[in-house]
Amino acid sequence: MHELGLMTGVMDAAVEAAREAGATRLLGVRVSIGEATEAVEDALVFAFEALAEADPFTQGATLDLTMIRPRSVCLECGHEFEHDLYNRFCPVCDSFATELLAGRELQIDSIEVDLPEE
């Protein structure tokens, strides 16, 4: 289950950023991940929730997850198109000479934290 490894990295980075900002708690994380990573959305959520409950600093934190569909460009005709994980043939010219533009990314878009009263 590589979802646990992915979410461990996300949680570590979010906690580090929150602590550097002087936060008292991590409240939520917004993440975008490509479907071509083959990560299972439910498993990502489960892993995040399990990790969040293990630390009082992150307890109750929420995950806002956006799955990014694979998108490629045809190197023959230049057409950009979305596709599933297995069919990367160009729908215009039927070429397999394509380059993946999106769908393998993993990025933290934002974090929500609780800051101390000043």
C-alpha atoms as a PDB file:
ATOM      1  CA  MET A   1       0.000   0.000   0.000  1.00  0.00           C
ATOM      2  CA  HIS A   2       2.055   2.947  -1.239  1.00  0.00           C
ATOM      3  CA  GLU A   3      -0.742   5.310  -0.192  1.00  0.00           C
ATOM      4  CA  LEU A   4       0.546   5.208   3.397  1.00  0.00           C
ATOM      5  CA  GLY A   5       4.002   6.253   2.199  1.00  0.00           C
ATOM      6  CA  LEU A   6       2.546   9.074   0.106  1.00  0.00           C
ATOM      7  CA  MET A   7       0.439  10.390   2.962  1.00  0.00           C
ATOM      8  CA  THR A   8       3.332  10.086   5.419  1.00  0.00           C
ATOM      9  CA  GLY A   9       5.326  12.416   3.169  1.00  0.00           C
ATOM     10  CA  VAL A  10       2.388  14.810   2.843  1.00  0.00           C
ATOM     11  CA  MET A  11       1.787  14.829   6.599  1.00  0.00           C
ATOM     12  CA  ASP A  12       5.486  15.349   7.403  1.00  0.00           C
ATOM     13  CA  ALA A  13       5.737  18.295   4.993  1.00  0.00           C
ATOM     14  CA  ALA A  14       2.483  19.871   6.212  1.00  0.00           C
ATOM     15  CA  VAL A  15       3.442  19.528   9.888  1.00  0.00           C
ATOM     16  CA  GLU A  16       6.886  20.987   9.237  1.00  0.00           C
ATOM     17  CA  ALA A  17       5.389  23.995   7.408  1.00  0.00           C
ATOM     18  CA  ALA A  18       2.768  24.495  10.121  1.00  0.00           C
ATOM     19  CA  ARG A  19       5.330  24.399  12.919  1.00  0.00           C
ATOM     20  CA  GLU A  20       7.646  26.782  11.041  1.00  0.00           C
ATOM     21  CA  ALA A  21       4.691  29.198  10.767  1.00  0.00           C
ATOM     22  CA  GLY A  22       4.192  29.028  14.541  1.00  0.00           C
ATOM     23  CA  ALA A  23       0.899  27.122  14.362  1.00  0.00           C
ATOM     24  CA  THR A  24      -0.588  25.448  17.403  1.00  0.00           C
ATOM     25  CA  ARG A  25      -2.454  22.845  15.304  1.00  0.00           C
ATOM     26  CA  LEU A  26      -2.733  21.563  11.758  1.00  0.00           C
ATOM     27  CA  LEU A  27      -6.407  21.754  10.784  1.00  0.00           C
ATOM     28  CA  GLY A  28      -6.419  20.610   7.167  1.00  0.00           C
ATOM     29  CA  VAL A  29      -4.431  19.859   4.044  1.00  0.00           C
ATOM     30  CA  ARG A  30      -5.451  20.326   0.401  1.00  0.00           C
ATOM     31  CA  VAL A  31      -3.645  17.909  -1.924  1.00  0.00           C
ATOM     32  CA  SER A  32      -3.710  17.251  -5.688  1.00  0.00           C
ATOM     33  CA  ILE A  33      -2.579  13.839  -6.909  1.00  0.00           C
ATOM     34  CA  GLY A  34      -2.516  12.370 -10.383  1.00  0.00           C
ATOM     35  CA  GLU A  35      -4.531   9.270 -11.198  1.00  0.00           C
ATOM     36  CA  ALA A  36      -1.496   7.884 -13.044  1.00  0.00           C
ATOM     37  CA  THR A  37       0.211   7.390  -9.676  1.00  0.00           C
ATOM     38  CA  GLU A  38      -2.340   4.589  -9.302  1.00  0.00           C
ATOM     39  CA  ALA A  39      -2.999   5.654  -5.720  1.00  0.00           C
ATOM     40  CA  VAL A  40      -6.455   4.659  -4.480  1.00  0.00           C
ATOM     41  CA  GLU A  41      -8.434   7.654  -3.231  1.00  0.00           C
ATOM     42  CA  ASP A  42     -10.109   5.812  -0.328  1.00  0.00           C
ATOM     43  CA  ALA A  43      -6.766   4.393   0.793  1.00  0.00           C
ATOM     44  CA  LEU A  44      -5.210   7.881   0.711  1.00  0.00           C
ATOM     45  CA  VAL A  45      -8.000   9.233   2.915  1.00  0.00           C
ATOM     46  CA  PHE A  46      -7.727   6.272   5.296  1.00  0.00           C
ATOM     47  CA  ALA A  47      -3.943   6.674   5.586  1.00  0.00           C
ATOM     48  CA  PHE A  48      -4.228  10.426   6.199  1.00  0.00           C
ATOM     49  CA  GLU A  49      -6.870   9.976   8.894  1.00  0.00           C
ATOM     50  CA  ALA A  50      -4.813   7.273  10.641  1.00  0.00           C
ATOM     51  CA  LEU A  51      -1.713   9.476  10.624  1.00  0.00           C
ATOM     52  CA  ALA A  52      -3.656  12.537  11.807  1.00  0.00           C
ATOM     53  CA  GLU A  53      -5.128  10.707  14.796  1.00  0.00           C
ATOM     54  CA  ALA A  54      -1.684   9.563  15.969  1.00  0.00           C
ATOM     55  CA  ASP A  55      -0.503  13.069  16.935  1.00  0.00           C
ATOM     56  CA  PRO A  56      -2.302  15.695  19.070  1.00  0.00           C
ATOM     57  CA  PHE A  57      -0.919  18.419  16.756  1.00  0.00           C
ATOM     58  CA  THR A  58      -2.795  16.921  13.775  1.00  0.00           C
ATOM     59  CA  GLN A  59      -5.740  15.212  15.483  1.00  0.00           C
ATOM     60  CA  GLY A  60      -8.966  15.946  13.610  1.00  0.00           C
ATOM     61  CA  ALA A  61      -7.175  17.423  10.586  1.00  0.00           C
ATOM     62  CA  THR A  62      -9.066  17.047   7.319  1.00  0.00           C
ATOM     63  CA  LEU A  63      -7.856  16.079   3.861  1.00  0.00           C
ATOM     64  CA  ASP A  64      -9.256  17.816   0.776  1.00  0.00           C
ATOM     65  CA  LEU A  65      -8.136  15.588  -2.074  1.00  0.00           C
ATOM     66  CA  THR A  66      -8.300  16.401  -5.796  1.00  0.00           C
ATOM     67  CA  MET A  67      -7.556  13.596  -8.243  1.00  0.00           C
ATOM     68  CA  ILE A  68      -5.980  14.812 -11.523  1.00  0.00           C
ATOM     69  CA  ARG A  69      -6.933  12.927 -14.694  1.00  0.00           C
ATOM     70  CA  PRO A  70      -4.099  11.956 -17.037  1.00  0.00           C
ATOM     71  CA  ARG A  71      -3.603  14.394 -19.929  1.00  0.00           C
ATOM     72  CA  SER A  72      -1.211  13.938 -22.833  1.00  0.00           C
ATOM     73  CA  VAL A  73      -0.126  15.701 -26.003  1.00  0.00           C
ATOM     74  CA  CYS A  74       0.301  13.916 -29.320  1.00  0.00           C
ATOM     75  CA  LEU A  75       3.834  14.349 -30.661  1.00  0.00           C
ATOM     76  CA  GLU A  76       2.567  13.770 -34.214  1.00  0.00           C
ATOM     77  CA  CYS A  77      -0.361  16.215 -34.518  1.00  0.00           C
ATOM     78  CA  GLY A  78      -0.098  18.317 -31.327  1.00  0.00           C
ATOM     79  CA  HIS A  79      -3.569  17.462 -29.994  1.00  0.00           C
ATOM     80  CA  GLU A  80      -3.931  17.578 -26.170  1.00  0.00           C
ATOM     81  CA  PHE A  81      -6.357  15.103 -24.640  1.00  0.00           C
ATOM     82  CA  GLU A  82      -7.447  13.463 -21.393  1.00  0.00           C
ATOM     83  CA  HIS A  83      -7.394   9.680 -21.181  1.00  0.00           C
ATOM     84  CA  ASP A  84      -7.563   6.763 -18.799  1.00  0.00           C
ATOM     85  CA  LEU A  85      -4.485   5.041 -17.390  1.00  0.00           C
ATOM     86  CA  TYR A  86      -4.157   2.534 -20.210  1.00  0.00           C
ATOM     87  CA  ASN A  87      -5.230   4.221 -23.461  1.00  0.00           C
ATOM     88  CA  ARG A  88      -2.784   6.917 -24.525  1.00  0.00           C
ATOM     89  CA  PHE A  89      -3.461   6.734 -28.265  1.00  0.00           C
ATOM     90  CA  CYS A  90      -4.240  10.125 -29.816  1.00  0.00           C
ATOM     91  CA  PRO A  91      -7.993  10.351 -30.481  1.00  0.00           C
ATOM     92  CA  VAL A  92      -7.338  12.532 -33.577  1.00  0.00           C
ATOM     93  CA  CYS A  93      -4.584  10.679 -35.484  1.00  0.00           C
ATOM     94  CA  ASP A  94      -4.413   7.378 -33.518  1.00  0.00           C
ATOM     95  CA  SER A  95      -0.675   7.794 -32.853  1.00  0.00           C
ATOM     96  CA  PHE A  96       0.914   6.262 -29.773  1.00  0.00           C
ATOM     97  CA  ALA A  97       3.684   8.896 -29.886  1.00  0.00           C
ATOM     98  CA  THR A  98       2.343  10.882 -26.932  1.00  0.00           C
ATOM     99  CA  GLU A  99       3.812  12.643 -23.931  1.00  0.00           C
ATOM    100  CA  LEU A 100       2.151  12.690 -20.523  1.00  0.00           C
ATOM    101  CA  LEU A 101       1.516  16.286 -19.386  1.00  0.00           C
ATOM    102  CA  ALA A 102      -0.504  15.693 -16.218  1.00  0.00           C
ATOM    103  CA  GLY A 103      -1.573  12.814 -14.028  1.00  0.00           C
ATOM    104  CA  ARG A 104       1.584  11.820 -12.145  1.00  0.00           C
ATOM    105  CA  GLU A 105       1.847  14.822  -9.847  1.00  0.00           C
ATOM    106  CA  LEU A 106       1.551  14.946  -6.084  1.00  0.00           C
ATOM    107  CA  GLN A 107       1.442  18.391  -4.557  1.00  0.00           C
ATOM    108  CA  ILE A 108       0.270  20.088  -1.411  1.00  0.00           C
ATOM    109  CA  ASP A 109      -1.887  22.976  -2.588  1.00  0.00           C
ATOM    110  CA  SER A 110      -2.462  24.527   0.840  1.00  0.00           C
ATOM    111  CA  ILE A 111      -2.606  23.863   4.548  1.00  0.00           C
ATOM    112  CA  GLU A 112      -4.958  25.261   7.170  1.00  0.00           C
ATOM    113  CA  VAL A 113      -3.537  25.896  10.615  1.00  0.00           C
ATOM    114  CA  ASP A 114      -4.562  27.334  13.950  1.00  0.00           C
ATOM    115  CA  LEU A 115      -2.313  30.240  14.922  1.00  0.00           C
ATOM    116  CA  PRO A 116      -1.916  31.490  18.489  1.00  0.00           C
ATOM    117  CA  GLU A 117      -3.673  34.710  19.530  1.00  0.00           C
ATOM    118  CA  GLU A 118      -1.266  37.635  19.597  1.00  0.00           C
END
